[in-house]
PDB file of all heavy atoms in Angstrom:
ATOM      1  N   ASN A   1       0.817  -1.228   0.005  1.00  0.00           N
ATOM      2  CA  ASN A   1      -0.009   0.003  -0.005  1.00  0.00           C
ATOM      3  C   ASN A   1       0.859   1.275  -0.006  1.00  0.00           C
ATOM      4  O   ASN A   1       0.523   2.270  -0.640  1.00  0.00           O
ATOM      5  CB  ASN A   1      -0.934  -0.002   1.221  1.00  0.00           C
ATOM      6  CG  ASN A   1      -2.005  -1.078   1.112  1.00  0.00           C
ATOM      7  OD1 ASN A   1      -2.429  -1.429   0.024  1.00  0.00           O
ATOM      8  ND2 ASN A   1      -2.443  -1.582   2.267  1.00  0.00           N
ATOM      9  N   SER A   2       1.977   1.221   0.698  1.00  0.00           N
ATOM     10  CA  SER A   2       2.873   2.376   0.743  1.00  0.00           C
ATOM     11  C   SER A   2       3.437   2.689  -0.632  1.00  0.00           C
ATOM     12  O   SER A   2       3.555   3.832  -1.062  1.00  0.00           O
ATOM     13  CB  SER A   2       3.998   2.154   1.749  1.00  0.00           C
ATOM     14  OG  SER A   2       3.494   2.142   3.083  1.00  0.00           O
ATOM     15  N   THR A   3       3.828   1.629  -1.347  1.00  0.00           N
ATOM     16  CA  THR A   3       4.369   1.802  -2.686  1.00  0.00           C
ATOM     17  C   THR A   3       3.326   2.381  -3.632  1.00  0.00           C
ATOM     18  O   THR A   3       3.605   3.293  -4.443  1.00  0.00           O
ATOM     19  CB  THR A   3       4.889   0.458  -3.254  1.00  0.00           C
ATOM     20  OG1 THR A   3       5.938  -0.027  -2.421  1.00  0.00           O
ATOM     21  CG2 THR A   3       5.409   0.636  -4.684  1.00  0.00           C
ATOM     22  N   LYS A   4       2.095   1.882  -3.551  1.00  0.00           N
ATOM     23  CA  LYS A   4       1.015   2.418  -4.396  1.00  0.00           C
ATOM     24  C   LYS A   4       0.811   3.898  -4.163  1.00  0.00           C
ATOM     25  O   LYS A   4       0.694   4.707  -5.092  1.00  0.00           O
ATOM     26  CB  LYS A   4      -0.290   1.657  -4.130  1.00  0.00           C
ATOM     27  CG  LYS A   4      -0.458   0.372  -4.891  1.00  0.00           C
ATOM     28  CD  LYS A   4      -1.882  -0.140  -4.805  1.00  0.00           C
ATOM     29  CE  LYS A   4      -2.116  -1.317  -5.727  1.00  0.00           C
ATOM     30  NZ  LYS A   4      -3.503  -1.766  -5.750  1.00  0.00           N
ATOM     31  N   LYS A   5       0.746   4.278  -2.896  1.00  0.00           N
ATOM     32  CA  LYS A   5       0.545   5.684  -2.586  1.00  0.00           C
ATOM     33  C   LYS A   5       1.708   6.536  -3.050  1.00  0.00           C
ATOM     34  O   LYS A   5       1.528   7.677  -3.538  1.00  0.00           O
ATOM     35  CB  LYS A   5       0.326   5.848  -1.057  1.00  0.00           C
ATOM     36  CG  LYS A   5      -1.005   5.309  -0.569  1.00  0.00           C
ATOM     37  CD  LYS A   5      -1.140   5.431   0.930  1.00  0.00           C
ATOM     38  CE  LYS A   5      -2.467   4.870   1.421  1.00  0.00           C
ATOM     39  NZ  LYS A   5      -2.604   4.954   2.891  1.00  0.00           N
ATOM     40  N   ALA A   6       2.928   6.017  -2.929  1.00  0.00           N
ATOM     41  CA  ALA A   6       4.096   6.778  -3.352  1.00  0.00           C
ATOM     42  C   ALA A   6       4.085   7.016  -4.862  1.00  0.00           C
ATOM     43  O   ALA A   6       4.349   8.131  -5.343  1.00  0.00           O
ATOM     44  CB  ALA A   6       5.373   6.026  -2.947  1.00  0.00           C
ATOM     45  N   LEU A   7       3.723   5.999  -5.639  1.00  0.00           N
ATOM     46  CA  LEU A   7       3.729   6.139  -7.092  1.00  0.00           C
ATOM     47  C   LEU A   7       2.629   7.039  -7.599  1.00  0.00           C
ATOM     48  O   LEU A   7       2.705   7.551  -8.719  1.00  0.00           O
ATOM     49  CB  LEU A   7       3.631   4.751  -7.758  1.00  0.00           C
ATOM     50  CG  LEU A   7       4.895   3.882  -7.633  1.00  0.00           C
ATOM     51  CD1 LEU A   7       4.641   2.500  -8.209  1.00  0.00           C
ATOM     52  CD2 LEU A   7       6.086   4.542  -8.312  1.00  0.00           C
ATOM     53  N   LEU A   8       1.616   7.273  -6.787  1.00  0.00           N
ATOM     54  CA  LEU A   8       0.541   8.217  -7.167  1.00  0.00           C
ATOM     55  C   LEU A   8       0.910   9.669  -6.816  1.00  0.00           C
ATOM     56  O   LEU A   8       0.198  10.599  -7.206  1.00  0.00           O
ATOM     57  CB  LEU A   8      -0.764   7.845  -6.453  1.00  0.00           C
ATOM     58  CG  LEU A   8      -1.429   6.553  -6.942  1.00  0.00           C
ATOM     59  CD1 LEU A   8      -2.658   6.250  -6.073  1.00  0.00           C
ATOM     60  CD2 LEU A   8      -1.856   6.668  -8.402  1.00  0.00           C
ATOM     61  N   ASN A   9       2.035   9.833  -6.130  1.00  0.00           N
ATOM     62  CA  ASN A   9       2.474  11.154  -5.714  1.00  0.00           C
ATOM     63  C   ASN A   9       3.457  11.723  -6.747  1.00  0.00           C
ATOM     64  O   ASN A   9       4.524  11.162  -6.984  1.00  0.00           O
ATOM     65  CB  ASN A   9       3.152  11.061  -4.338  1.00  0.00           C
ATOM     66  CG  ASN A   9       3.585  12.415  -3.811  1.00  0.00           C
ATOM     67  OD1 ASN A   9       4.534  13.003  -4.307  1.00  0.00           O
ATOM     68  ND2 ASN A   9       2.903  12.888  -2.786  1.00  0.00           N
ATOM     69  N   LYS A  10       3.099  12.853  -7.365  1.00  0.00           N
ATOM     70  CA  LYS A  10       3.926  13.412  -8.436  1.00  0.00           C
ATOM     71  C   LYS A  10       5.300  13.794  -7.959  1.00  0.00           C
ATOM     72  O   LYS A  10       6.300  13.609  -8.664  1.00  0.00           O
ATOM     73  CB  LYS A  10       3.230  14.605  -9.107  1.00  0.00           C
ATOM     74  CG  LYS A  10       4.018  15.135 -10.308  1.00  0.00           C
ATOM     75  CD  LYS A  10       3.233  16.143 -11.111  1.00  0.00           C
ATOM     76  CE  LYS A  10       3.220  17.488 -10.482  1.00  0.00           C
ATOM     77  NZ  LYS A  10       2.680  18.563 -11.393  1.00  0.00           N
ATOM     78  N   ASP A  11       5.425  14.357  -6.757  1.00  0.00           N
ATOM     79  CA  ASP A  11       6.732  14.770  -6.247  1.00  0.00           C
ATOM     80  C   ASP A  11       7.648  13.532  -6.105  1.00  0.00           C
ATOM     81  O   ASP A  11       8.837  13.621  -6.371  1.00  0.00           O
ATOM     82  CB  ASP A  11       6.597  15.479  -4.913  1.00  0.00           C
ATOM     83  CG  ASP A  11       5.956  16.845  -5.055  1.00  0.00           C
ATOM     84  OD1 ASP A  11       6.374  17.610  -5.924  1.00  0.00           O
ATOM     85  OD2 ASP A  11       5.003  17.139  -4.317  1.00  0.00           O
ATOM     86  N   PHE A  12       7.073  12.416  -5.680  1.00  0.00           N
ATOM     87  CA  PHE A  12       7.851  11.187  -5.559  1.00  0.00           C
ATOM     88  C   PHE A  12       8.343  10.730  -6.928  1.00  0.00           C
ATOM     89  O   PHE A  12       9.508  10.379  -7.099  1.00  0.00           O
ATOM     90  CB  PHE A  12       7.011  10.089  -4.899  1.00  0.00           C
ATOM     91  CG  PHE A  12       7.747   8.770  -4.745  1.00  0.00           C
ATOM     92  CD1 PHE A  12       8.622   8.563  -3.683  1.00  0.00           C
ATOM     93  CD2 PHE A  12       7.583   7.747  -5.673  1.00  0.00           C
ATOM     94  CE1 PHE A  12       9.328   7.369  -3.548  1.00  0.00           C
ATOM     95  CE2 PHE A  12       8.263   6.540  -5.528  1.00  0.00           C
ATOM     96  CZ  PHE A  12       9.146   6.367  -4.475  1.00  0.00           C
ATOM     97  N   ARG A  13       7.440  10.755  -7.921  1.00  0.00           N
ATOM     98  CA  ARG A  13       7.820  10.338  -9.288  1.00  0.00           C
ATOM     99  C   ARG A  13       8.889  11.267  -9.851  1.00  0.00           C
ATOM    100  O   ARG A  13       9.839  10.828 -10.494  1.00  0.00           O
ATOM    101  CB  ARG A  13       6.597  10.292 -10.198  1.00  0.00           C
ATOM    102  CG  ARG A  13       5.520   9.313  -9.747  1.00  0.00           C
ATOM    103  CD  ARG A  13       4.499   9.073 -10.869  1.00  0.00           C
ATOM    104  NE  ARG A  13       3.877  10.301 -11.351  1.00  0.00           N
ATOM    105  CZ  ARG A  13       2.771  10.850 -10.855  1.00  0.00           C
ATOM    106  NH1 ARG A  13       2.164  10.270  -9.803  1.00  0.00           N
ATOM    107  NH2 ARG A  13       2.260  11.971 -11.369  1.00  0.00           N
ATOM    108  N   GLN A  14       8.743  12.567  -9.607  1.00  0.00           N
ATOM    109  CA  GLN A  14       9.738  13.519 -10.072  1.00  0.00           C
ATOM    110  C   GLN A  14      11.076  13.284  -9.396  1.00  0.00           C
ATOM    111  O   GLN A  14      12.138  13.431 -10.029  1.00  0.00           O
ATOM    112  CB  GLN A  14       9.261  14.941  -9.846  1.00  0.00           C
ATOM    113  CG  GLN A  14       8.135  15.383 -10.779  1.00  0.00           C
ATOM    114  CD  GLN A  14       7.709  16.807 -10.544  1.00  0.00           C
ATOM    115  OE1 GLN A  14       7.983  17.381  -9.484  1.00  0.00           O
ATOM    116  NE2 GLN A  14       7.039  17.412 -11.522  1.00  0.00           N
ATOM    117  N   ALA A  15      11.060  12.902  -8.148  1.00  0.00           N
ATOM    118  CA  ALA A  15      12.292  12.604  -7.438  1.00  0.00           C
ATOM    119  C   ALA A  15      13.019  11.428  -8.102  1.00  0.00           C
ATOM    120  O   ALA A  15      14.236  11.473  -8.281  1.00  0.00           O
ATOM    121  CB  ALA A  15      11.995  12.276  -5.970  1.00  0.00           C
ATOM    122  N   LEU A  16      12.271  10.407  -8.505  1.00  0.00           N
ATOM    123  CA  LEU A  16      12.872   9.292  -9.226  1.00  0.00           C
ATOM    124  C   LEU A  16      13.456   9.749 -10.558  1.00  0.00           C
ATOM    125  O   LEU A  16      14.556   9.356 -10.957  1.00  0.00           O
ATOM    126  CB  LEU A  16      11.827   8.202  -9.503  1.00  0.00           C
ATOM    127  CG  LEU A  16      11.232   7.466  -8.292  1.00  0.00           C
ATOM    128  CD1 LEU A  16      10.172   6.469  -8.776  1.00  0.00           C
ATOM    129  CD2 LEU A  16      12.298   6.732  -7.521  1.00  0.00           C
ATOM    130  N   ASN A  17      12.702  10.622 -11.261  1.00  0.00           N
ATOM    131  CA  ASN A  17      13.121  11.121 -12.566  1.00  0.00           C
ATOM    132  C   ASN A  17      14.467  11.883 -12.472  1.00  0.00           C
ATOM    133  O   ASN A  17      15.377  11.668 -13.274  1.00  0.00           O
ATOM    134  CB  ASN A  17      12.031  12.032 -13.115  1.00  0.00           C
ATOM    135  CG  ASN A  17      12.018  12.093 -14.637  1.00  0.00           C
ATOM    136  OD1 ASN A  17      12.862  11.523 -15.317  1.00  0.00           O
ATOM    137  ND2 ASN A  17      11.054  12.829 -15.176  1.00  0.00           N
ATOM    138  N   PHE A  18      14.567  12.756 -11.478  1.00  0.00           N
ATOM    139  CA  PHE A  18      15.791  13.537 -11.299  1.00  0.00           C
ATOM    140  C   PHE A  18      16.927  12.721 -10.703  1.00  0.00           C
ATOM    141  O   PHE A  18      18.089  13.078 -10.857  1.00  0.00           O
ATOM    142  CB  PHE A  18      15.518  14.748 -10.428  1.00  0.00           C
ATOM    143  CG  PHE A  18      14.697  15.827 -11.085  1.00  0.00           C
ATOM    144  CD1 PHE A  18      13.547  16.318 -10.470  1.00  0.00           C
ATOM    145  CD2 PHE A  18      15.065  16.366 -12.313  1.00  0.00           C
ATOM    146  CE1 PHE A  18      12.782  17.308 -11.075  1.00  0.00           C
ATOM    147  CE2 PHE A  18      14.310  17.341 -12.917  1.00  0.00           C
ATOM    148  CZ  PHE A  18      13.166  17.823 -12.298  1.00  0.00           C
ATOM    149  N   ALA A  19      16.600  11.615 -10.046  1.00  0.00           N
ATOM    150  CA  ALA A  19      17.626  10.790  -9.395  1.00  0.00           C
ATOM    151  C   ALA A  19      18.270   9.785 -10.354  1.00  0.00           C
ATOM    152  O   ALA A  19      19.313   9.209 -10.060  1.00  0.00           O
ATOM    153  CB  ALA A  19      17.047  10.049  -8.196  1.00  0.00           C
ATOM    154  N   LEU A  20      17.624   9.576 -11.496  1.00  0.00           N
ATOM    155  CA  LEU A  20      18.122   8.583 -12.467  1.00  0.00           C
ATOM    156  C   LEU A  20      19.270   9.159 -13.297  1.00  0.00           C
ATOM    157  O   LEU A  20      19.091  10.108 -14.044  1.00  0.00           O
ATOM    158  CB  LEU A  20      16.980   8.140 -13.401  1.00  0.00           C
ATOM    159  CG  LEU A  20      17.362   7.239 -14.586  1.00  0.00           C
ATOM    160  CD1 LEU A  20      18.055   5.981 -14.099  1.00  0.00           C
ATOM    161  CD2 LEU A  20      16.129   6.912 -15.405  1.00  0.00           C
ATOM    162  N   ASP A  21      20.431   8.564 -13.135  1.00  0.00           N
ATOM    163  CA  ASP A  21      21.622   8.986 -13.891  1.00  0.00           C
ATOM    164  C   ASP A  21      21.595   8.260 -15.228  1.00  0.00           C
ATOM    165  O   ASP A  21      22.050   7.130 -15.363  1.00  0.00           O
ATOM    166  CB  ASP A  21      22.884   8.647 -13.107  1.00  0.00           C
ATOM    167  CG  ASP A  21      24.151   9.150 -13.781  1.00  0.00           C
ATOM    168  OD1 ASP A  21      24.066   9.547 -14.955  1.00  0.00           O
ATOM    169  OD2 ASP A  21      25.206   9.118 -13.122  1.00  0.00           O
ATOM    170  N   ARG A  22      21.052   8.931 -16.249  1.00  0.00           N
ATOM    171  CA  ARG A  22      20.896   8.311 -17.554  1.00  0.00           C
ATOM    172  C   ARG A  22      22.225   8.035 -18.246  1.00  0.00           C
ATOM    173  O   ARG A  22      22.329   7.110 -19.065  1.00  0.00           O
ATOM    174  CB  ARG A  22      19.979   9.155 -18.418  1.00  0.00           C
ATOM    175  CG  ARG A  22      18.517   9.071 -17.998  1.00  0.00           C
ATOM    176  CD  ARG A  22      17.677  10.195 -18.597  1.00  0.00           C
ATOM    177  NE  ARG A  22      16.249  10.021 -18.289  1.00  0.00           N
ATOM    178  CZ  ARG A  22      15.690  10.348 -17.128  1.00  0.00           C
ATOM    179  NH1 ARG A  22      16.445  10.878 -16.160  1.00  0.00           N
ATOM    180  NH2 ARG A  22      14.390  10.143 -16.924  1.00  0.00           N
ATOM    181  N   GLU A  23      23.226   8.840 -17.934  1.00  0.00           N
ATOM    182  CA  GLU A  23      24.524   8.594 -18.559  1.00  0.00           C
ATOM    183  C   GLU A  23      25.135   7.287 -18.063  1.00  0.00           C
ATOM    184  O   GLU A  23      25.664   6.494 -18.839  1.00  0.00           O
ATOM    185  CB  GLU A  23      25.471   9.743 -18.279  1.00  0.00           C
ATOM    186  CG  GLU A  23      26.790   9.634 -19.009  1.00  0.00           C
ATOM    187  CD  GLU A  23      27.585  10.914 -19.025  1.00  0.00           C
ATOM    188  OE1 GLU A  23      27.181  11.870 -18.332  1.00  0.00           O
ATOM    189  OE2 GLU A  23      28.589  10.983 -19.752  1.00  0.00           O
ATOM    190  N   SER A  24      25.022   7.036 -16.759  1.00  0.00           N
ATOM    191  CA  SER A  24      25.487   5.763 -16.209  1.00  0.00           C
ATOM    192  C   SER A  24      24.643   4.617 -16.761  1.00  0.00           C
ATOM    193  O   SER A  24      25.177   3.543 -17.076  1.00  0.00           O
ATOM    194  CB  SER A  24      25.395   5.804 -14.693  1.00  0.00           C
ATOM    195  OG  SER A  24      25.677   4.534 -14.148  1.00  0.00           O
ATOM    196  N   TYR A  25      23.352   4.839 -16.864  1.00  0.00           N
ATOM    197  CA  TYR A  25      22.431   3.813 -17.387  1.00  0.00           C
ATOM    198  C   TYR A  25      22.830   3.422 -18.813  1.00  0.00           C
ATOM    199  O   TYR A  25      22.982   2.236 -19.141  1.00  0.00           O
ATOM    200  CB  TYR A  25      21.004   4.382 -17.354  1.00  0.00           C
ATOM    201  CG  TYR A  25      19.894   3.412 -17.672  1.00  0.00           C
ATOM    202  CD1 TYR A  25      19.251   2.719 -16.665  1.00  0.00           C
ATOM    203  CD2 TYR A  25      19.485   3.212 -18.988  1.00  0.00           C
ATOM    204  CE1 TYR A  25      18.187   1.864 -16.944  1.00  0.00           C
ATOM    205  CE2 TYR A  25      18.437   2.351 -19.289  1.00  0.00           C
ATOM    206  CZ  TYR A  25      17.800   1.677 -18.262  1.00  0.00           C
ATOM    207  OH  TYR A  25      16.764   0.831 -18.552  1.00  0.00           O
ATOM    208  N   ALA A  26      23.016   4.419 -19.682  1.00  0.00           N
ATOM    209  CA  ALA A  26      23.376   4.146 -21.070  1.00  0.00           C
ATOM    210  C   ALA A  26      24.774   3.560 -21.189  1.00  0.00           C
ATOM    211  O   ALA A  26      25.054   2.793 -22.118  1.00  0.00           O
ATOM    212  CB  ALA A  26      23.264   5.428 -21.898  1.00  0.00           C
ATOM    213  N   ALA A  27      25.638   3.899 -20.265  1.00  0.00           N
ATOM    214  CA  ALA A  27      27.028   3.385 -20.313  1.00  0.00           C
ATOM    215  C   ALA A  27      27.075   1.881 -20.143  1.00  0.00           C
ATOM    216  O   ALA A  27      28.047   1.239 -20.557  1.00  0.00           O
ATOM    217  CB  ALA A  27      27.867   4.070 -19.236  1.00  0.00           C
ATOM    218  N   GLN A  28      26.044   1.304 -19.540  1.00  0.00           N
ATOM    219  CA  GLN A  28      26.010  -0.149 -19.366  1.00  0.00           C
ATOM    220  C   GLN A  28      25.902  -0.867 -20.706  1.00  0.00           C
ATOM    221  O   GLN A  28      26.201  -2.084 -20.810  1.00  0.00           O
ATOM    222  CB  GLN A  28      24.879  -0.560 -18.437  1.00  0.00           C
ATOM    223  CG  GLN A  28      24.818   0.162 -17.109  1.00  0.00           C
ATOM    224  CD  GLN A  28      26.157   0.202 -16.412  1.00  0.00           C
ATOM    225  OE1 GLN A  28      26.829  -0.809 -16.262  1.00  0.00           O
ATOM    226  NE2 GLN A  28      26.561   1.413 -15.988  1.00  0.00           N
ATOM    227  N   VAL A  29      25.455  -0.149 -21.719  1.00  0.00           N
ATOM    228  CA  VAL A  29      25.333  -0.706 -23.054  1.00  0.00           C
ATOM    229  C   VAL A  29      26.445  -0.163 -23.957  1.00  0.00           C
ATOM    230  O   VAL A  29      27.098  -0.887 -24.683  1.00  0.00           O
ATOM    231  CB  VAL A  29      23.968  -0.393 -23.686  1.00  0.00           C
ATOM    232  CG1 VAL A  29      23.856  -1.003 -25.057  1.00  0.00           C
ATOM    233  CG2 VAL A  29      22.844  -0.878 -22.801  1.00  0.00           C
ATOM    234  N   ASN A  30      26.649   1.148 -23.903  1.00  0.00           N
ATOM    235  CA  ASN A  30      27.533   1.824 -24.865  1.00  0.00           C
ATOM    236  C   ASN A  30      28.912   2.150 -24.317  1.00  0.00           C
ATOM    237  O   ASN A  30      29.750   2.665 -25.077  1.00  0.00           O
ATOM    238  CB  ASN A  30      26.884   3.131 -25.322  1.00  0.00           C
ATOM    239  CG  ASN A  30      25.722   2.884 -26.263  1.00  0.00           C
ATOM    240  OD1 ASN A  30      25.384   1.747 -26.551  1.00  0.00           O
ATOM    241  ND2 ASN A  30      25.112   3.934 -26.767  1.00  0.00           N
ATOM    242  N   GLY A  31      29.165   1.897 -23.046  1.00  0.00           N
ATOM    243  CA  GLY A  31      30.436   2.298 -22.453  1.00  0.00           C
ATOM    244  C   GLY A  31      30.429   3.781 -22.131  1.00  0.00           C
ATOM    245  O   GLY A  31      29.566   4.532 -22.600  1.00  0.00           O
ATOM    246  N   LYS A  32      31.370   4.233 -21.351  1.00  0.00           N
ATOM    247  CA  LYS A  32      31.413   5.622 -20.919  1.00  0.00           C
ATOM    248  C   LYS A  32      31.559   6.566 -22.087  1.00  0.00           C
ATOM    249  O   LYS A  32      30.922   7.632 -22.151  1.00  0.00           O
ATOM    250  CB  LYS A  32      32.554   5.845 -19.925  1.00  0.00           C
ATOM    251  CG  LYS A  32      32.329   5.179 -18.572  1.00  0.00           C
ATOM    252  CD  LYS A  32      33.454   5.476 -17.626  1.00  0.00           C
ATOM    253  CE  LYS A  32      33.225   4.838 -16.250  1.00  0.00           C
ATOM    254  NZ  LYS A  32      34.336   5.102 -15.312  1.00  0.00           N
ATOM    255  N   ALA A  33      32.406   6.227 -23.050  1.00  0.00           N
ATOM    256  CA  ALA A  33      32.660   7.130 -24.186  1.00  0.00           C
ATOM    257  C   ALA A  33      31.448   7.325 -25.051  1.00  0.00           C
ATOM    258  O   ALA A  33      31.245   8.412 -25.614  1.00  0.00           O
ATOM    259  CB  ALA A  33      33.829   6.581 -24.998  1.00  0.00           C
ATOM    260  N   GLY A  34      30.613   6.286 -25.188  1.00  0.00           N
ATOM    261  CA  GLY A  34      29.484   6.385 -26.098  1.00  0.00           C
ATOM    262  C   GLY A  34      28.128   6.584 -25.406  1.00  0.00           C
ATOM    263  O   GLY A  34      27.089   6.595 -26.077  1.00  0.00           O
ATOM    264  N   ALA A  35      28.156   6.741 -24.088  1.00  0.00           N
ATOM    265  CA  ALA A  35      26.899   6.810 -23.328  1.00  0.00           C
ATOM    266  C   ALA A  35      26.025   7.994 -23.730  1.00  0.00           C
ATOM    267  O   ALA A  35      24.817   7.868 -23.959  1.00  0.00           O
ATOM    268  CB  ALA A  35      27.185   6.823 -21.839  1.00  0.00           C
ATOM    269  N   ALA A  36      26.640   9.178 -23.803  1.00  0.00           N
ATOM    270  CA  ALA A  36      25.863  10.388 -24.048  1.00  0.00           C
ATOM    271  C   ALA A  36      25.086  10.324 -25.353  1.00  0.00           C
ATOM    272  O   ALA A  36      23.965  10.820 -25.455  1.00  0.00           O
ATOM    273  CB  ALA A  36      26.780  11.605 -24.040  1.00  0.00           C
ATOM    274  N   THR A  37      25.676   9.672 -26.353  1.00  0.00           N
ATOM    275  CA  THR A  37      25.034   9.581 -27.673  1.00  0.00           C
ATOM    276  C   THR A  37      23.633   8.998 -27.590  1.00  0.00           C
ATOM    277  O   THR A  37      22.727   9.363 -28.338  1.00  0.00           O
ATOM    278  CB  THR A  37      25.881   8.693 -28.628  1.00  0.00           C
ATOM    279  OG1 THR A  37      27.218   9.158 -28.602  1.00  0.00           O
ATOM    280  CG2 THR A  37      25.334   8.736 -30.023  1.00  0.00           C
ATOM    281  N   ALA A  38      23.439   8.070 -26.640  1.00  0.00           N
ATOM    282  CA  ALA A  38      22.185   7.338 -26.567  1.00  0.00           C
ATOM    283  C   ALA A  38      21.128   7.969 -25.653  1.00  0.00           C
ATOM    284  O   ALA A  38      19.965   7.578 -25.711  1.00  0.00           O
ATOM    285  CB  ALA A  38      22.463   5.907 -26.076  1.00  0.00           C
ATOM    286  N   ILE A  39      21.500   8.936 -24.814  1.00  0.00           N
ATOM    287  CA  ILE A  39      20.593   9.459 -23.808  1.00  0.00           C
ATOM    288  C   ILE A  39      19.355  10.102 -24.435  1.00  0.00           C
ATOM    289  O   ILE A  39      19.450  10.868 -25.400  1.00  0.00           O
ATOM    290  CB  ILE A  39      21.284  10.489 -22.888  1.00  0.00           C
ATOM    291  CG1 ILE A  39      22.367   9.799 -22.070  1.00  0.00           C
ATOM    292  CG2 ILE A  39      20.275  11.161 -21.960  1.00  0.00           C
ATOM    293  CD1 ILE A  39      23.221  10.769 -21.261  1.00  0.00           C
ATOM    294  N   ARG A  40      18.205   9.795 -23.868  1.00  0.00           N
ATOM    295  CA  ARG A  40      16.940  10.408 -24.308  1.00  0.00           C
ATOM    296  C   ARG A  40      16.225  10.966 -23.072  1.00  0.00           C
ATOM    297  O   ARG A  40      15.988  10.251 -22.089  1.00  0.00           O
ATOM    298  CB  ARG A  40      16.076   9.393 -25.024  1.00  0.00           C
ATOM    299  CG  ARG A  40      14.825  10.000 -25.610  1.00  0.00           C
ATOM    300  CD  ARG A  40      14.498   9.369 -26.960  1.00  0.00           C
ATOM    301  NE  ARG A  40      15.479   9.737 -27.952  1.00  0.00           N
ATOM    302  CZ  ARG A  40      15.698   9.062 -29.074  1.00  0.00           C
ATOM    303  NH1 ARG A  40      14.993   7.991 -29.336  1.00  0.00           N
ATOM    304  NH2 ARG A  40      16.602   9.455 -29.933  1.00  0.00           N
TER     305      ARG A  40
END
């Protein structure tokens, strides 16, 4: 129930959005040098 309530809260979702390091995420596929190319 706590998770459901959290995901319905926009500030919580925005916190996840800003906390996600997309460059690190993309680097798992493209490596550090090519990570930025893939970010969306």
